[in-house]
Amino acid sequence: MSDSVKIGDVAIGDGLPVYVIAEIGLNHNGSVENAKKLIDVAVEAGAQAVKFQKRTPDIATPEHMKATPRETPWGTMTYLEYRYKVEFEQAEYSEIDAYCKEKGVVWFASPWDEPSVDFLESMDTVAYKIASASVTDLGMLRKIKATGKP
């Protein structure tokens, strides 16, 4: 067992400098411009990485919640509609990837379902963060383990 792991090119472990990961999650509200502002703040604060969340809304939204009305910045919509509104896809993550490279910070995400792991692998993310709600999703955990990434 190794005493350290690598996220990108940086070793993390006992006796090594602190590695700061800024949580962006869904705080971008589905806006790449907001995400870029959050990335800027993270870089200014000294973070080496930023972390997002990735979901397949139709899979990750509980059935009993899908049709539940929710007040959002865009008005009332179903919880499922809201989940789709704040979810980034290929184009948005490609823009975020390029922006993070420009700013010298890495990004990765917490996947919430197996297709999201496949998506993040297609984006060649450097690591995964397991959401506490996902610690019992053995299929997803096995899929993440198979990537060989921390």
N, C-alpha and C. Protein backbone atom coordinates (compact mmCIF):
# COMPACT_ATOMS: atom_id res chain seq x y z
N MET A 1 0.85 -1.18 0.00
CA MET A 1 0.00 0.00 0.00
C MET A 1 0.89 1.24 0.00
N SER A 2 0.60 2.17 -0.86
CA SER A 2 1.38 3.39 -0.99
C SER A 2 1.03 4.36 0.14
N ASP A 3 2.01 5.18 0.51
CA ASP A 3 1.79 6.20 1.53
C ASP A 3 1.18 7.47 0.94
N SER A 4 1.04 7.52 -0.38
CA SER A 4 0.47 8.71 -1.01
C SER A 4 -0.33 8.30 -2.25
N VAL A 5 -1.15 9.22 -2.70
CA VAL A 5 -1.87 9.08 -3.97
C VAL A 5 -1.57 10.34 -4.77
N LYS A 6 -1.83 10.26 -6.05
CA LYS A 6 -1.63 11.43 -6.91
C LYS A 6 -2.96 11.89 -7.48
N ILE A 7 -3.18 13.18 -7.39
CA ILE A 7 -4.29 13.81 -8.10
C ILE A 7 -3.62 14.66 -9.16
N GLY A 8 -3.74 14.24 -10.40
CA GLY A 8 -2.99 14.89 -11.47
C GLY A 8 -1.52 14.61 -11.25
N ASP A 9 -0.73 15.63 -11.20
CA ASP A 9 0.72 15.48 -11.00
C ASP A 9 1.15 15.70 -9.55
N VAL A 10 0.20 15.87 -8.64
CA VAL A 10 0.53 16.23 -7.26
C VAL A 10 0.31 15.04 -6.33
N ALA A 11 1.37 14.68 -5.60
CA ALA A 11 1.27 13.62 -4.60
C ALA A 11 0.63 14.18 -3.33
N ILE A 12 -0.22 13.38 -2.74
CA ILE A 12 -0.94 13.75 -1.52
C ILE A 12 -0.73 12.64 -0.51
N GLY A 13 -0.35 13.00 0.69
CA GLY A 13 -0.17 11.99 1.71
C GLY A 13 0.54 12.53 2.93
N ASP A 14 0.82 11.63 3.83
CA ASP A 14 1.48 11.97 5.09
C ASP A 14 2.80 12.70 4.83
N GLY A 15 2.98 13.82 5.50
CA GLY A 15 4.22 14.58 5.38
C GLY A 15 4.31 15.46 4.15
N LEU A 16 3.31 15.43 3.31
CA LEU A 16 3.29 16.26 2.10
C LEU A 16 2.43 17.50 2.35
N PRO A 17 2.63 18.54 1.55
CA PRO A 17 1.83 19.76 1.75
C PRO A 17 0.33 19.48 1.61
N VAL A 18 -0.45 20.32 2.26
CA VAL A 18 -1.90 20.22 2.19
C VAL A 18 -2.35 20.44 0.74
N TYR A 19 -3.32 19.67 0.32
CA TYR A 19 -3.90 19.80 -1.02
C TYR A 19 -5.31 20.34 -0.83
N VAL A 20 -5.58 21.51 -1.37
CA VAL A 20 -6.87 22.17 -1.16
C VAL A 20 -7.77 21.96 -2.37
N ILE A 21 -8.95 21.41 -2.10
CA ILE A 21 -9.97 21.18 -3.13
C ILE A 21 -11.16 22.09 -2.80
N ALA A 22 -11.50 22.97 -3.72
CA ALA A 22 -12.64 23.87 -3.53
C ALA A 22 -13.91 23.19 -4.04
N GLU A 23 -14.92 23.16 -3.21
CA GLU A 23 -16.20 22.55 -3.57
C GLU A 23 -17.05 23.55 -4.34
N ILE A 24 -17.28 23.26 -5.61
CA ILE A 24 -18.20 24.06 -6.41
C ILE A 24 -19.56 23.38 -6.44
N GLY A 25 -19.56 22.05 -6.55
CA GLY A 25 -20.82 21.32 -6.54
C GLY A 25 -21.75 21.80 -7.63
N LEU A 26 -22.94 22.21 -7.23
CA LEU A 26 -23.94 22.77 -8.15
C LEU A 26 -24.12 24.27 -7.93
N ASN A 27 -23.22 24.87 -7.19
CA ASN A 27 -23.35 26.30 -6.87
C ASN A 27 -23.27 27.20 -8.10
N HIS A 28 -22.92 26.65 -9.24
CA HIS A 28 -22.89 27.40 -10.49
C HIS A 28 -24.28 27.65 -11.05
N ASN A 29 -25.29 26.95 -10.52
CA ASN A 29 -26.68 27.08 -10.99
C ASN A 29 -26.83 26.86 -12.48
N GLY A 30 -26.02 25.98 -13.06
CA GLY A 30 -26.14 25.68 -14.48
C GLY A 30 -25.51 26.70 -15.39
N SER A 31 -24.73 27.62 -14.84
CA SER A 31 -24.10 28.68 -15.63
C SER A 31 -22.59 28.47 -15.67
N VAL A 32 -22.03 28.33 -16.87
CA VAL A 32 -20.59 28.20 -17.02
C VAL A 32 -19.90 29.47 -16.55
N GLU A 33 -20.51 30.62 -16.79
CA GLU A 33 -19.91 31.88 -16.33
C GLU A 33 -19.82 31.92 -14.81
N ASN A 34 -20.87 31.46 -14.12
CA ASN A 34 -20.80 31.37 -12.66
C ASN A 34 -19.71 30.38 -12.24
N ALA A 35 -19.61 29.27 -12.95
CA ALA A 35 -18.59 28.26 -12.63
C ALA A 35 -17.20 28.88 -12.76
N LYS A 36 -16.99 29.66 -13.81
CA LYS A 36 -15.69 30.31 -14.01
C LYS A 36 -15.38 31.28 -12.87
N LYS A 37 -16.38 32.02 -12.43
CA LYS A 37 -16.17 32.93 -11.30
C LYS A 37 -15.80 32.15 -10.04
N LEU A 38 -16.45 31.03 -9.81
CA LEU A 38 -16.13 30.19 -8.65
C LEU A 38 -14.74 29.59 -8.77
N ILE A 39 -14.35 29.22 -9.97
CA ILE A 39 -12.99 28.72 -10.21
C ILE A 39 -11.98 29.83 -9.90
N ASP A 40 -12.26 31.04 -10.35
CA ASP A 40 -11.37 32.17 -10.08
C ASP A 40 -11.18 32.39 -8.58
N VAL A 41 -12.27 32.36 -7.83
CA VAL A 41 -12.19 32.54 -6.38
C VAL A 41 -11.38 31.42 -5.75
N ALA A 42 -11.59 30.19 -6.22
CA ALA A 42 -10.85 29.04 -5.68
C ALA A 42 -9.36 29.20 -5.93
N VAL A 43 -9.00 29.60 -7.14
CA VAL A 43 -7.58 29.79 -7.48
C VAL A 43 -6.99 30.91 -6.63
N GLU A 44 -7.72 31.99 -6.50
CA GLU A 44 -7.25 33.12 -5.69
C GLU A 44 -7.04 32.70 -4.24
N ALA A 45 -7.86 31.79 -3.75
CA ALA A 45 -7.74 31.31 -2.37
C ALA A 45 -6.64 30.26 -2.21
N GLY A 46 -6.05 29.81 -3.31
CA GLY A 46 -4.95 28.86 -3.24
C GLY A 46 -5.32 27.41 -3.45
N ALA A 47 -6.52 27.14 -3.92
CA ALA A 47 -6.93 25.75 -4.17
C ALA A 47 -6.15 25.17 -5.34
N GLN A 48 -5.82 23.90 -5.24
CA GLN A 48 -5.16 23.19 -6.34
C GLN A 48 -6.17 22.49 -7.25
N ALA A 49 -7.39 22.30 -6.73
CA ALA A 49 -8.43 21.61 -7.50
C ALA A 49 -9.79 22.20 -7.18
N VAL A 50 -10.72 22.01 -8.11
CA VAL A 50 -12.12 22.35 -7.89
C VAL A 50 -12.94 21.10 -8.17
N LYS A 51 -14.01 20.94 -7.39
CA LYS A 51 -14.83 19.74 -7.52
C LYS A 51 -16.27 20.11 -7.83
N PHE A 52 -16.81 19.42 -8.82
CA PHE A 52 -18.20 19.59 -9.23
C PHE A 52 -18.99 18.33 -8.85
N GLN A 53 -20.25 18.29 -9.24
CA GLN A 53 -21.08 17.10 -9.11
C GLN A 53 -21.59 16.74 -10.49
N LYS A 54 -21.71 15.46 -10.76
CA LYS A 54 -22.23 15.00 -12.06
C LYS A 54 -23.31 13.97 -11.83
N ARG A 55 -24.46 14.23 -12.40
CA ARG A 55 -25.60 13.32 -12.27
C ARG A 55 -26.23 13.07 -13.63
N THR A 56 -26.86 11.92 -13.75
CA THR A 56 -27.82 11.67 -14.81
C THR A 56 -29.17 11.88 -14.13
N PRO A 57 -29.78 13.05 -14.33
CA PRO A 57 -30.95 13.41 -13.53
C PRO A 57 -32.05 12.35 -13.48
N ASP A 58 -32.33 11.70 -14.61
CA ASP A 58 -33.42 10.72 -14.61
C ASP A 58 -33.09 9.51 -13.74
N ILE A 59 -31.81 9.21 -13.56
CA ILE A 59 -31.39 8.09 -12.72
C ILE A 59 -31.21 8.53 -11.28
N ALA A 60 -30.56 9.67 -11.07
CA ALA A 60 -30.16 10.09 -9.72
C ALA A 60 -31.28 10.79 -8.93
N THR A 61 -32.36 11.14 -9.59
CA THR A 61 -33.47 11.78 -8.88
C THR A 61 -34.44 10.70 -8.42
N PRO A 62 -34.70 10.61 -7.12
CA PRO A 62 -35.64 9.59 -6.63
C PRO A 62 -37.01 9.74 -7.29
N GLU A 63 -37.61 8.61 -7.62
CA GLU A 63 -38.91 8.62 -8.30
C GLU A 63 -39.94 9.49 -7.59
N HIS A 64 -40.00 9.40 -6.26
CA HIS A 64 -41.02 10.15 -5.52
C HIS A 64 -40.77 11.66 -5.53
N MET A 65 -39.58 12.08 -5.98
CA MET A 65 -39.24 13.50 -6.02
C MET A 65 -39.35 14.12 -7.41
N LYS A 66 -39.38 13.30 -8.45
CA LYS A 66 -39.31 13.81 -9.82
C LYS A 66 -40.36 14.86 -10.14
N ALA A 67 -41.59 14.63 -9.75
CA ALA A 67 -42.69 15.55 -10.09
C ALA A 67 -42.94 16.60 -9.01
N THR A 68 -42.18 16.55 -7.93
CA THR A 68 -42.37 17.49 -6.82
C THR A 68 -42.03 18.92 -7.27
N PRO A 69 -42.95 19.87 -7.07
CA PRO A 69 -42.65 21.25 -7.44
C PRO A 69 -41.53 21.82 -6.57
N ARG A 70 -40.71 22.67 -7.18
CA ARG A 70 -39.59 23.28 -6.46
C ARG A 70 -39.47 24.73 -6.90
N GLU A 71 -39.30 25.60 -5.92
CA GLU A 71 -39.04 27.01 -6.22
C GLU A 71 -37.57 27.13 -6.60
N THR A 72 -37.30 27.77 -7.73
CA THR A 72 -35.93 27.92 -8.22
C THR A 72 -35.72 29.37 -8.65
N PRO A 73 -34.49 29.73 -8.95
CA PRO A 73 -34.26 31.09 -9.46
C PRO A 73 -34.99 31.36 -10.78
N TRP A 74 -35.46 30.32 -11.45
CA TRP A 74 -36.16 30.45 -12.73
C TRP A 74 -37.67 30.27 -12.59
N GLY A 75 -38.16 30.24 -11.37
CA GLY A 75 -39.57 30.03 -11.11
C GLY A 75 -39.83 28.62 -10.61
N THR A 76 -41.08 28.26 -10.51
CA THR A 76 -41.46 26.93 -10.02
C THR A 76 -41.33 25.93 -11.16
N MET A 77 -40.69 24.83 -10.87
CA MET A 77 -40.56 23.72 -11.82
C MET A 77 -40.48 22.43 -11.02
N THR A 78 -40.60 21.30 -11.72
CA THR A 78 -40.47 20.04 -11.00
C THR A 78 -39.01 19.85 -10.59
N TYR A 79 -38.81 19.02 -9.59
CA TYR A 79 -37.45 18.75 -9.13
C TYR A 79 -36.61 18.16 -10.27
N LEU A 80 -37.20 17.29 -11.08
CA LEU A 80 -36.48 16.71 -12.22
C LEU A 80 -36.10 17.79 -13.23
N GLU A 81 -37.02 18.70 -13.55
CA GLU A 81 -36.69 19.80 -14.46
C GLU A 81 -35.54 20.63 -13.91
N TYR A 82 -35.57 20.90 -12.61
CA TYR A 82 -34.50 21.65 -11.97
C TYR A 82 -33.16 20.92 -12.10
N ARG A 83 -33.18 19.61 -11.87
CA ARG A 83 -31.94 18.83 -11.96
C ARG A 83 -31.33 18.92 -13.36
N TYR A 84 -32.17 18.87 -14.38
CA TYR A 84 -31.67 19.02 -15.75
C TYR A 84 -31.14 20.44 -15.99
N LYS A 85 -31.78 21.44 -15.41
CA LYS A 85 -31.39 22.83 -15.63
C LYS A 85 -30.00 23.13 -15.09
N VAL A 86 -29.62 22.50 -13.98
CA VAL A 86 -28.32 22.80 -13.36
C VAL A 86 -27.22 21.81 -13.75
N GLU A 87 -27.54 20.86 -14.60
CA GLU A 87 -26.57 19.82 -14.96
C GLU A 87 -25.74 20.22 -16.17
N PHE A 88 -24.42 20.14 -16.03
CA PHE A 88 -23.52 20.40 -17.16
C PHE A 88 -23.34 19.12 -17.97
N GLU A 89 -23.16 19.31 -19.26
CA GLU A 89 -22.89 18.19 -20.17
C GLU A 89 -21.54 18.43 -20.87
N GLN A 90 -21.32 17.74 -21.98
CA GLN A 90 -20.03 17.75 -22.69
C GLN A 90 -19.53 19.16 -23.01
N ALA A 91 -20.37 19.97 -23.62
CA ALA A 91 -19.93 21.31 -24.03
C ALA A 91 -19.51 22.15 -22.84
N GLU A 92 -20.31 22.13 -21.78
CA GLU A 92 -19.99 22.93 -20.60
C GLU A 92 -18.72 22.43 -19.91
N TYR A 93 -18.60 21.12 -19.74
CA TYR A 93 -17.41 20.59 -19.08
C TYR A 93 -16.16 20.76 -19.95
N SER A 94 -16.31 20.77 -21.25
CA SER A 94 -15.16 21.04 -22.12
C SER A 94 -14.67 22.47 -21.90
N GLU A 95 -15.61 23.40 -21.77
CA GLU A 95 -15.25 24.79 -21.51
C GLU A 95 -14.61 24.93 -20.12
N ILE A 96 -15.17 24.24 -19.14
CA ILE A 96 -14.61 24.27 -17.79
C ILE A 96 -13.21 23.65 -17.78
N ASP A 97 -13.04 22.55 -18.49
CA ASP A 97 -11.73 21.90 -18.57
C ASP A 97 -10.68 22.86 -19.13
N ALA A 98 -11.00 23.53 -20.22
CA ALA A 98 -10.07 24.48 -20.83
C ALA A 98 -9.78 25.64 -19.88
N TYR A 99 -10.81 26.11 -19.20
CA TYR A 99 -10.63 27.23 -18.27
C TYR A 99 -9.75 26.83 -17.09
N CYS A 100 -9.97 25.65 -16.56
CA CYS A 100 -9.16 25.17 -15.44
C CYS A 100 -7.70 25.02 -15.86
N LYS A 101 -7.46 24.51 -17.05
CA LYS A 101 -6.08 24.39 -17.55
C LYS A 101 -5.44 25.77 -17.67
N GLU A 102 -6.20 26.72 -18.18
CA GLU A 102 -5.69 28.10 -18.30
C GLU A 102 -5.33 28.68 -16.93
N LYS A 103 -6.13 28.33 -15.91
CA LYS A 103 -5.93 28.87 -14.57
C LYS A 103 -4.96 28.04 -13.72
N GLY A 104 -4.53 26.89 -14.24
CA GLY A 104 -3.58 26.06 -13.51
C GLY A 104 -4.17 25.29 -12.35
N VAL A 105 -5.42 24.91 -12.47
CA VAL A 105 -6.11 24.16 -11.43
C VAL A 105 -6.76 22.94 -12.08
N VAL A 106 -6.80 21.81 -11.37
CA VAL A 106 -7.47 20.64 -11.93
C VAL A 106 -8.92 20.60 -11.44
N TRP A 107 -9.74 19.88 -12.17
CA TRP A 107 -11.14 19.71 -11.76
C TRP A 107 -11.48 18.23 -11.80
N PHE A 108 -12.42 17.87 -10.97
CA PHE A 108 -13.01 16.54 -11.00
C PHE A 108 -14.40 16.65 -10.40
N ALA A 109 -15.05 15.54 -10.18
CA ALA A 109 -16.44 15.60 -9.73
C ALA A 109 -16.81 14.40 -8.88
N SER A 110 -17.92 14.56 -8.19
CA SER A 110 -18.57 13.45 -7.51
C SER A 110 -19.64 12.91 -8.45
N PRO A 111 -19.45 11.71 -8.98
CA PRO A 111 -20.52 11.14 -9.81
C PRO A 111 -21.62 10.58 -8.90
N TRP A 112 -22.85 10.64 -9.38
CA TRP A 112 -23.98 10.16 -8.60
C TRP A 112 -24.62 8.92 -9.20
N ASP A 113 -24.05 8.40 -10.29
CA ASP A 113 -24.61 7.22 -10.93
C ASP A 113 -23.56 6.68 -11.90
N GLU A 114 -23.75 5.45 -12.35
CA GLU A 114 -22.75 4.80 -13.22
C GLU A 114 -22.55 5.52 -14.56
N PRO A 115 -23.61 5.97 -15.25
CA PRO A 115 -23.35 6.70 -16.50
C PRO A 115 -22.54 7.98 -16.28
N SER A 116 -22.65 8.58 -15.10
CA SER A 116 -21.85 9.77 -14.81
C SER A 116 -20.37 9.43 -14.68
N VAL A 117 -20.05 8.22 -14.20
CA VAL A 117 -18.65 7.78 -14.17
C VAL A 117 -18.15 7.67 -15.60
N ASP A 118 -18.95 7.05 -16.47
CA ASP A 118 -18.56 6.93 -17.88
C ASP A 118 -18.34 8.31 -18.49
N PHE A 119 -19.24 9.24 -18.20
CA PHE A 119 -19.10 10.60 -18.71
C PHE A 119 -17.80 11.23 -18.23
N LEU A 120 -17.53 11.14 -16.94
CA LEU A 120 -16.32 11.75 -16.38
C LEU A 120 -15.07 11.09 -16.94
N GLU A 121 -15.13 9.79 -17.20
CA GLU A 121 -13.99 9.12 -17.84
C GLU A 121 -13.78 9.67 -19.25
N SER A 122 -14.86 9.97 -19.95
CA SER A 122 -14.72 10.53 -21.30
C SER A 122 -14.09 11.92 -21.26
N MET A 123 -14.20 12.59 -20.11
CA MET A 123 -13.59 13.91 -19.93
C MET A 123 -12.19 13.78 -19.34
N ASP A 124 -11.76 12.56 -19.04
CA ASP A 124 -10.44 12.27 -18.50
C ASP A 124 -10.16 13.01 -17.19
N THR A 125 -11.14 13.01 -16.29
CA THR A 125 -10.92 13.62 -14.99
C THR A 125 -9.82 12.87 -14.24
N VAL A 126 -9.17 13.56 -13.31
CA VAL A 126 -7.99 12.99 -12.64
C VAL A 126 -8.31 12.20 -11.39
N ALA A 127 -9.53 12.38 -10.83
CA ALA A 127 -9.88 11.72 -9.57
C ALA A 127 -11.40 11.72 -9.42
N TYR A 128 -11.85 11.04 -8.38
CA TYR A 128 -13.27 11.00 -8.03
C TYR A 128 -13.43 11.30 -6.56
N LYS A 129 -14.50 11.97 -6.21
CA LYS A 129 -14.87 12.15 -4.81
C LYS A 129 -16.20 11.43 -4.65
N ILE A 130 -16.27 10.57 -3.67
CA ILE A 130 -17.51 9.82 -3.43
C ILE A 130 -18.41 10.64 -2.51
N ALA A 131 -19.59 10.95 -2.99
CA ALA A 131 -20.57 11.65 -2.15
C ALA A 131 -21.05 10.70 -1.06
N SER A 132 -21.32 11.24 0.11
CA SER A 132 -21.76 10.39 1.22
C SER A 132 -23.02 9.61 0.85
N ALA A 133 -23.88 10.21 0.04
CA ALA A 133 -25.12 9.53 -0.37
C ALA A 133 -24.83 8.33 -1.28
N SER A 134 -23.61 8.23 -1.80
CA SER A 134 -23.27 7.17 -2.76
C SER A 134 -22.42 6.04 -2.17
N VAL A 135 -22.14 6.08 -0.88
CA VAL A 135 -21.23 5.08 -0.31
C VAL A 135 -21.81 3.66 -0.33
N THR A 136 -23.10 3.53 -0.57
CA THR A 136 -23.69 2.19 -0.65
C THR A 136 -23.99 1.78 -2.09
N ASP A 137 -23.64 2.60 -3.06
CA ASP A 137 -23.85 2.28 -4.47
C ASP A 137 -22.67 1.43 -4.96
N LEU A 138 -22.74 0.14 -4.66
CA LEU A 138 -21.61 -0.75 -4.93
C LEU A 138 -21.27 -0.84 -6.41
N GLY A 139 -22.26 -0.81 -7.28
CA GLY A 139 -21.99 -0.85 -8.71
C GLY A 139 -21.17 0.35 -9.15
N MET A 140 -21.55 1.53 -8.69
CA MET A 140 -20.81 2.74 -9.05
C MET A 140 -19.41 2.72 -8.43
N LEU A 141 -19.31 2.28 -7.20
CA LEU A 141 -18.00 2.21 -6.55
C LEU A 141 -17.07 1.25 -7.28
N ARG A 142 -17.60 0.12 -7.73
CA ARG A 142 -16.77 -0.82 -8.51
C ARG A 142 -16.32 -0.19 -9.83
N LYS A 143 -17.22 0.54 -10.45
CA LYS A 143 -16.90 1.22 -11.73
C LYS A 143 -15.80 2.24 -11.51
N ILE A 144 -15.87 3.01 -10.44
CA ILE A 144 -14.84 4.00 -10.13
C ILE A 144 -13.53 3.29 -9.83
N LYS A 145 -13.58 2.23 -9.04
CA LYS A 145 -12.35 1.48 -8.71
C LYS A 145 -11.67 0.98 -9.98
N ALA A 146 -12.46 0.53 -10.95
CA ALA A 146 -11.92 -0.01 -12.19
C ALA A 146 -11.16 1.05 -13.01
N THR A 147 -11.42 2.34 -12.74
CA THR A 147 -10.69 3.39 -13.47
C THR A 147 -9.24 3.47 -13.01
N GLY A 148 -8.96 3.00 -11.80
CA GLY A 148 -7.62 3.09 -11.24
C GLY A 148 -7.26 4.47 -10.74
N LYS A 149 -8.20 5.38 -10.77
CA LYS A 149 -7.95 6.75 -10.31
C LYS A 149 -8.33 6.89 -8.83
N PRO A 150 -7.62 7.81 -8.15
CA PRO A 150 -7.99 8.00 -6.73
C PRO A 150 -9.39 8.60 -6.61
